[in-house]
Amino acid sequence: MDMDTFVTTVYVMADDFCKSRAAAWPVQPGPAPALAVSEIVTLAVLSRWSRFQSERDFFRYAQQQLRPAFPSLPAYRQFNRLGRAAGAWLARFSHALAAQLGTLANVYEALDTMGCATRNAKRRGNGWLAGEANLGWCNRLGWYEGLNVITSVTPAGAIPGFGCAPASTKEQPYAETFLQARAVQPDWLPEVGAAPAGWYLADNGFCGRKLHQHWAEDYGARVISPPQRHQSRQPWPKPWRRWLASLRQIVETVHARLLQTFRLERERPHHLQGFRARLAATCALHNFCLWLNIQLGRPKLAFADLIDW
């Protein structure tokens, strides 16, 4: 697909979504924003391709190639501010795309976390996200300074829920907050999305019989995870572990797309709101590409050759 067709398709879907939700900027003193909510949602989603080295690199591309489609494109600083302000709409747009893939009817969702470095862990000083990002461990990165991203992924590869926390956050308290938020649906945390009708499949970092009972009774969240081998009197046999790992493999594939194809592992944000907006835009682009591949009869997660740059 050529880039012009891709941009048009994204914009039409974003505009329809914003009109259906009456999305508009809040009334504030001063000049009105140069871009409508649907326009900034479209541009934020397009900016996540790994072809662009950074947000500024995409902005230069938009100035040169997308000016006819977005004639009121503002200066970079205002564009960046609008992108941060649209974080909630980006998250809702991502969930709307996932809903078109029938996420609520899935038998299960795979729950897992991944590390996102925001700064070199060996650098001195506090950095930009002091008090929000910290030092944690990730099997992929080792010790890193940044944020811990949680995702809930369907068997088809859609992302109906996600969130972020400091890198040192452990899986069990992380899941407690995530599952509670999905049950309560607070307006200030739109990333988490709606709770599924099926089960959650997780690794042994989310284990705990009492915790699973508490999540099921209080939040309606049914979680399956293998117990820790060295702590359980009845460890799972190897065929059970292989069965669960085979079902959860999709989440590893999706994380690879988010980190590499959509540039999430190269983020160095200066503000937590900016990271949340970029994470929402990344998940929205992932869900959109998944939907588009299904419409075109292509392999669902074949994103690398989707656009003829």
Protein backbone atom coordinates (compact mmCIF):
# COMPACT_ATOMS: atom_id res chain seq x y z
CA MET A 1 0.00 0.00 0.00
CA ASP A 2 1.32 3.48 -0.84
CA MET A 3 1.73 6.02 1.94
CA ASP A 4 -1.00 8.37 0.69
CA THR A 5 -3.61 5.60 0.82
CA PHE A 6 -2.42 4.54 4.27
CA VAL A 7 -2.62 8.11 5.59
CA THR A 8 -6.10 8.56 4.14
CA THR A 9 -7.34 5.31 5.68
CA VAL A 10 -5.99 6.20 9.11
CA TYR A 11 -7.45 9.70 8.92
CA VAL A 12 -10.92 8.49 7.87
CA MET A 13 -11.06 6.02 10.75
CA ALA A 14 -9.72 8.57 13.25
CA ASP A 15 -12.17 11.21 12.04
CA ASP A 16 -15.13 8.82 12.26
CA PHE A 17 -14.07 7.83 15.76
CA CYS A 18 -13.69 11.45 16.93
CA LYS A 19 -17.06 12.43 15.46
CA SER A 20 -18.76 9.48 17.14
CA ARG A 21 -17.27 10.51 20.49
CA ALA A 22 -17.64 14.28 19.94
CA ALA A 23 -13.92 14.64 20.54
CA ALA A 24 -12.87 18.28 20.88
CA TRP A 25 -10.22 20.30 22.68
CA PRO A 26 -11.32 21.87 25.98
CA VAL A 27 -12.09 25.58 25.80
CA GLN A 28 -9.12 27.53 27.14
CA PRO A 29 -7.88 31.12 26.97
CA GLY A 30 -5.70 31.98 23.97
CA PRO A 31 -5.67 30.90 20.34
CA ALA A 32 -7.44 27.71 19.36
CA PRO A 33 -5.24 24.67 18.55
CA ALA A 34 -4.08 24.59 14.93
CA LEU A 35 -5.10 20.93 14.49
CA ALA A 36 -8.35 19.14 15.28
CA VAL A 37 -8.28 16.12 17.57
CA SER A 38 -8.73 13.74 14.63
CA GLU A 39 -5.77 15.35 12.82
CA ILE A 40 -3.36 15.09 15.75
CA VAL A 41 -4.52 11.51 16.42
CA THR A 42 -3.75 10.62 12.80
CA LEU A 43 -0.32 12.26 12.85
CA ALA A 44 0.60 10.75 16.23
CA VAL A 45 -0.28 7.27 14.97
CA LEU A 46 1.70 7.73 11.73
CA SER A 47 4.75 8.98 13.62
CA ARG A 48 5.31 5.62 15.33
CA TRP A 49 6.83 3.82 12.35
CA SER A 50 10.48 2.86 12.87
CA ARG A 51 11.29 4.50 9.52
CA PHE A 52 11.38 7.75 11.52
CA GLN A 53 14.24 8.08 13.95
CA SER A 54 12.36 10.40 16.30
CA GLU A 55 9.32 12.64 16.65
CA ARG A 56 11.28 15.51 15.14
CA ASP A 57 12.27 13.34 12.17
CA PHE A 58 8.61 12.56 11.53
CA PHE A 59 7.72 16.25 11.84
CA ARG A 60 10.20 17.09 9.10
CA TYR A 61 8.62 14.38 6.94
CA ALA A 62 5.14 15.76 7.64
CA GLN A 63 6.26 19.27 6.66
CA GLN A 64 7.64 18.02 3.35
CA GLN A 65 5.17 15.26 2.40
CA LEU A 66 1.93 15.71 4.38
CA ARG A 67 1.42 19.48 4.22
CA PRO A 68 -1.33 19.18 1.51
CA ALA A 69 -3.34 16.88 3.80
CA PHE A 70 -2.65 18.95 6.94
CA PRO A 71 -2.31 22.59 5.78
CA SER A 72 -2.55 24.00 9.32
CA LEU A 73 0.41 21.97 10.63
CA PRO A 74 1.86 24.13 13.46
CA ALA A 75 5.42 24.57 14.66
CA TYR A 76 7.11 21.56 16.23
CA ARG A 77 6.66 22.68 19.83
CA GLN A 78 2.91 23.14 19.48
CA PHE A 79 2.68 19.87 17.57
CA ASN A 80 4.45 18.12 20.45
CA ARG A 81 2.17 19.72 23.05
CA LEU A 82 -0.94 18.72 21.12
CA GLY A 83 0.36 15.15 20.88
CA ARG A 84 0.73 14.97 24.67
CA ALA A 85 -2.71 16.52 25.21
CA ALA A 86 -4.33 13.92 22.92
CA GLY A 87 -3.05 10.94 24.92
CA ALA A 88 -6.49 9.98 26.25
CA TRP A 89 -8.05 10.13 22.77
CA LEU A 90 -5.20 8.05 21.36
CA ALA A 91 -5.84 5.38 24.00
CA ARG A 92 -9.58 5.36 23.26
CA PHE A 93 -8.90 5.20 19.53
CA SER A 94 -6.64 2.20 20.11
CA HIS A 95 -9.41 0.46 22.09
CA ALA A 96 -11.97 1.26 19.39
CA LEU A 97 -9.73 -0.39 16.80
CA ALA A 98 -9.25 -3.41 19.05
CA ALA A 99 -13.04 -3.66 19.54
CA GLN A 100 -13.49 -3.97 15.77
CA LEU A 101 -11.37 -7.12 15.99
CA GLY A 102 -13.83 -8.70 18.43
CA THR A 103 -11.57 -8.55 21.49
CA LEU A 104 -14.36 -8.89 24.04
CA ALA A 105 -15.37 -12.29 22.65
CA ASN A 106 -11.93 -13.89 23.07
CA VAL A 107 -11.51 -16.91 25.29
CA TYR A 108 -8.37 -15.44 26.88
CA GLU A 109 -5.89 -12.58 26.85
CA ALA A 110 -2.17 -13.01 27.47
CA LEU A 111 -0.89 -10.69 30.21
CA ASP A 112 2.77 -9.72 30.38
CA THR A 113 5.21 -6.86 30.98
CA MET A 114 8.24 -5.51 29.13
CA GLY A 115 10.95 -3.02 30.01
CA CYS A 116 11.29 0.30 28.18
CA ALA A 117 14.52 2.15 28.89
CA THR A 118 14.19 5.92 29.00
CA ARG A 119 17.77 6.70 30.02
CA ASN A 120 21.17 5.06 30.29
CA ALA A 121 21.20 3.40 33.70
CA LYS A 122 24.87 4.31 34.24
CA ARG A 123 24.40 8.05 33.84
CA ARG A 124 24.58 10.27 36.89
CA GLY A 125 21.83 12.57 38.03
CA ASN A 126 18.08 12.17 38.14
CA GLY A 127 17.20 12.64 34.48
CA TRP A 128 13.92 13.96 33.07
CA LEU A 129 11.53 11.48 34.69
CA ALA A 130 12.81 11.72 38.26
CA GLY A 131 10.35 10.07 40.65
CA GLU A 132 8.46 8.44 37.75
CA ALA A 133 11.07 6.23 36.07
CA ASN A 134 13.59 4.25 38.11
CA LEU A 135 15.96 1.29 38.03
CA GLY A 136 14.57 -2.17 37.32
CA TRP A 137 15.41 -5.57 35.86
CA CYS A 138 14.29 -6.95 32.51
CA ASN A 139 15.40 -10.25 30.95
CA ARG A 140 15.81 -8.49 27.60
CA LEU A 141 17.68 -5.42 28.87
CA GLY A 142 19.20 -6.55 32.14
CA TRP A 143 19.36 -3.64 34.60
CA TYR A 144 17.83 -0.56 33.02
CA GLU A 145 16.40 2.82 34.00
CA GLY A 146 12.96 3.53 32.66
CA LEU A 147 9.38 2.28 32.74
CA ASN A 148 7.68 -1.11 32.89
CA VAL A 149 4.92 -1.52 30.30
CA ILE A 150 2.07 -4.00 30.81
CA THR A 151 -0.03 -5.29 27.91
CA SER A 152 -3.01 -7.57 27.55
CA VAL A 153 -2.94 -9.30 24.15
CA THR A 154 -5.63 -11.36 22.39
CA PRO A 155 -4.89 -14.62 20.50
CA ALA A 156 -5.08 -12.66 17.21
CA GLY A 157 -2.48 -10.14 18.43
CA ALA A 158 -4.71 -7.14 19.25
CA ILE A 159 -3.96 -4.99 22.30
CA PRO A 160 -7.17 -4.10 24.17
CA GLY A 161 -5.39 -2.88 27.31
CA PHE A 162 -2.01 -1.51 28.35
CA GLY A 163 -0.31 0.74 30.90
CA CYS A 164 3.04 1.80 32.33
CA ALA A 165 4.68 2.01 35.74
CA PRO A 166 8.20 2.54 37.16
CA ALA A 167 10.71 -0.11 36.10
CA SER A 168 11.01 -1.56 39.60
CA THR A 169 7.29 -2.45 39.80
CA LYS A 170 6.76 -6.15 40.51
CA GLU A 171 4.27 -8.20 38.54
CA GLN A 172 1.82 -9.01 41.36
CA PRO A 173 1.14 -5.43 42.59
CA TYR A 174 1.25 -4.30 38.97
CA ALA A 175 -1.49 -6.78 38.04
CA GLU A 176 -3.48 -5.75 41.12
CA THR A 177 -3.61 -2.13 39.91
CA PHE A 178 -4.20 -3.07 36.27
CA LEU A 179 -7.05 -5.50 36.96
CA GLN A 180 -8.69 -3.17 39.46
CA ALA A 181 -8.54 -0.30 36.96
CA ARG A 182 -10.10 -2.47 34.24
CA ALA A 183 -12.93 -3.34 36.61
CA VAL A 184 -13.53 0.25 37.77
CA GLN A 185 -12.77 2.08 34.47
CA PRO A 186 -11.49 5.42 35.88
CA ASP A 187 -11.57 8.37 33.46
CA TRP A 188 -8.01 9.36 34.33
CA LEU A 189 -6.61 5.98 33.21
CA PRO A 190 -8.13 5.22 29.79
CA GLU A 191 -5.22 3.00 28.69
CA VAL A 192 -6.37 -0.06 30.62
CA GLY A 193 -9.43 -0.66 28.42
CA ALA A 194 -12.42 -2.88 29.16
CA ALA A 195 -12.16 -6.14 31.07
CA PRO A 196 -12.44 -9.26 28.88
CA ALA A 197 -15.09 -11.92 29.18
CA GLY A 198 -12.49 -14.71 29.18
CA TRP A 199 -9.40 -15.62 31.16
CA TYR A 200 -5.98 -14.05 31.61
CA LEU A 201 -2.93 -16.22 30.87
CA ALA A 202 0.20 -15.04 32.69
CA ASP A 203 3.65 -16.32 33.58
CA ASN A 204 4.81 -17.35 37.05
CA GLY A 205 5.53 -13.74 38.03
CA PHE A 206 1.76 -13.33 38.49
CA CYS A 207 1.28 -16.52 40.50
CA GLY A 208 -0.43 -16.82 43.88
CA ARG A 209 -3.52 -18.84 44.75
CA LYS A 210 -4.88 -16.27 47.20
CA LEU A 211 -4.22 -13.45 44.77
CA HIS A 212 -6.01 -15.28 41.97
CA GLN A 213 -8.99 -15.87 44.24
CA HIS A 214 -9.01 -12.20 45.27
CA TRP A 215 -8.84 -11.00 41.64
CA ALA A 216 -11.66 -13.33 40.61
CA GLU A 217 -13.97 -12.39 43.48
CA ASP A 218 -13.33 -8.64 43.60
CA TYR A 219 -12.54 -7.76 39.97
CA GLY A 220 -14.05 -10.63 38.00
CA ALA A 221 -10.58 -11.36 36.57
CA ARG A 222 -9.77 -15.06 36.22
CA VAL A 223 -6.01 -15.58 35.96
CA ILE A 224 -4.10 -18.75 35.05
CA SER A 225 -0.38 -18.83 35.76
CA PRO A 226 2.02 -21.62 36.72
CA PRO A 227 3.33 -21.65 40.29
CA GLN A 228 6.96 -20.96 41.10
CA ARG A 229 8.82 -24.26 40.86
CA HIS A 230 10.90 -23.78 44.00
CA GLN A 231 7.95 -22.53 46.10
CA SER A 232 5.11 -24.87 45.12
CA ARG A 233 4.44 -28.27 46.63
CA GLN A 234 2.66 -29.26 43.42
CA PRO A 235 4.59 -27.80 40.48
CA TRP A 236 3.07 -28.01 37.04
CA PRO A 237 4.28 -30.89 34.85
CA LYS A 238 6.27 -29.94 31.78
CA PRO A 239 3.44 -30.56 29.26
CA TRP A 240 1.24 -28.06 31.13
CA ARG A 241 3.97 -25.42 31.09
CA ARG A 242 4.59 -25.97 27.39
CA TRP A 243 0.87 -25.71 26.69
CA LEU A 244 0.61 -22.38 28.51
CA ALA A 245 3.80 -21.06 26.89
CA SER A 246 2.45 -21.92 23.43
CA LEU A 247 -0.71 -19.90 24.08
CA ARG A 248 1.28 -16.98 25.47
CA GLN A 249 3.77 -16.84 22.60
CA ILE A 250 1.65 -14.22 20.88
CA VAL A 251 2.50 -11.62 23.51
CA GLU A 252 6.23 -11.98 22.79
CA THR A 253 5.56 -11.43 19.08
CA VAL A 254 3.46 -8.35 19.79
CA HIS A 255 6.11 -6.89 22.10
CA ALA A 256 8.69 -7.30 19.35
CA ARG A 257 6.45 -5.32 16.98
CA LEU A 258 5.95 -2.54 19.53
CA LEU A 259 9.62 -2.26 20.39
CA GLN A 260 11.17 -2.59 16.94
CA THR A 261 8.65 -2.02 14.15
CA PHE A 262 7.02 0.87 16.01
CA ARG A 263 10.13 2.33 17.68
CA LEU A 264 9.09 2.05 21.31
CA GLU A 265 12.52 0.84 22.45
CA ARG A 266 14.14 4.04 21.15
CA GLU A 267 11.99 6.41 23.22
CA ARG A 268 13.73 8.93 25.46
CA PRO A 269 10.77 10.97 26.78
CA HIS A 270 11.09 14.12 28.87
CA HIS A 271 7.60 13.90 30.36
CA LEU A 272 5.49 10.96 31.57
CA GLN A 273 2.45 12.33 29.76
CA GLY A 274 4.48 12.27 26.55
CA PHE A 275 5.44 8.62 27.06
CA ARG A 276 1.84 7.65 27.78
CA ALA A 277 0.68 9.40 24.60
CA ARG A 278 3.39 7.70 22.52
CA LEU A 279 2.58 4.31 24.03
CA ALA A 280 -1.11 4.84 23.20
CA ALA A 281 -0.22 5.89 19.64
CA THR A 282 2.01 2.83 19.28
CA CYS A 283 -0.76 0.46 20.38
CA ALA A 284 -3.22 2.28 18.10
CA LEU A 285 -0.92 1.85 15.10
CA HIS A 286 -0.42 -1.82 15.96
CA ASN A 287 -4.18 -2.45 16.19
CA PHE A 288 -4.81 -0.50 12.99
CA CYS A 289 -2.17 -2.44 11.01
CA LEU A 290 -3.61 -5.69 12.35
CA TRP A 291 -7.11 -4.65 11.22
CA LEU A 292 -5.81 -3.52 7.82
CA ASN A 293 -3.94 -6.77 7.19
CA ILE A 294 -7.12 -8.72 7.92
CA GLN A 295 -9.04 -6.54 5.45
CA LEU A 296 -6.38 -7.07 2.78
CA GLY A 297 -6.12 -10.83 3.35
CA ARG A 298 -2.50 -10.57 4.45
CA PRO A 299 -0.78 -12.32 7.38
CA LYS A 300 -2.05 -10.57 10.50
CA LEU A 301 1.27 -9.44 11.97
CA ALA A 302 3.15 -8.80 8.69
CA PHE A 303 3.77 -5.10 9.26
CA ALA A 304 7.25 -4.56 7.84
CA ASP A 305 6.17 -4.63 4.17
CA LEU A 306 2.70 -3.15 4.63
CA ILE A 307 3.67 0.29 3.24
CA ASP A 308 5.60 0.93 0.06
CA TRP A 309 7.77 3.76 1.30
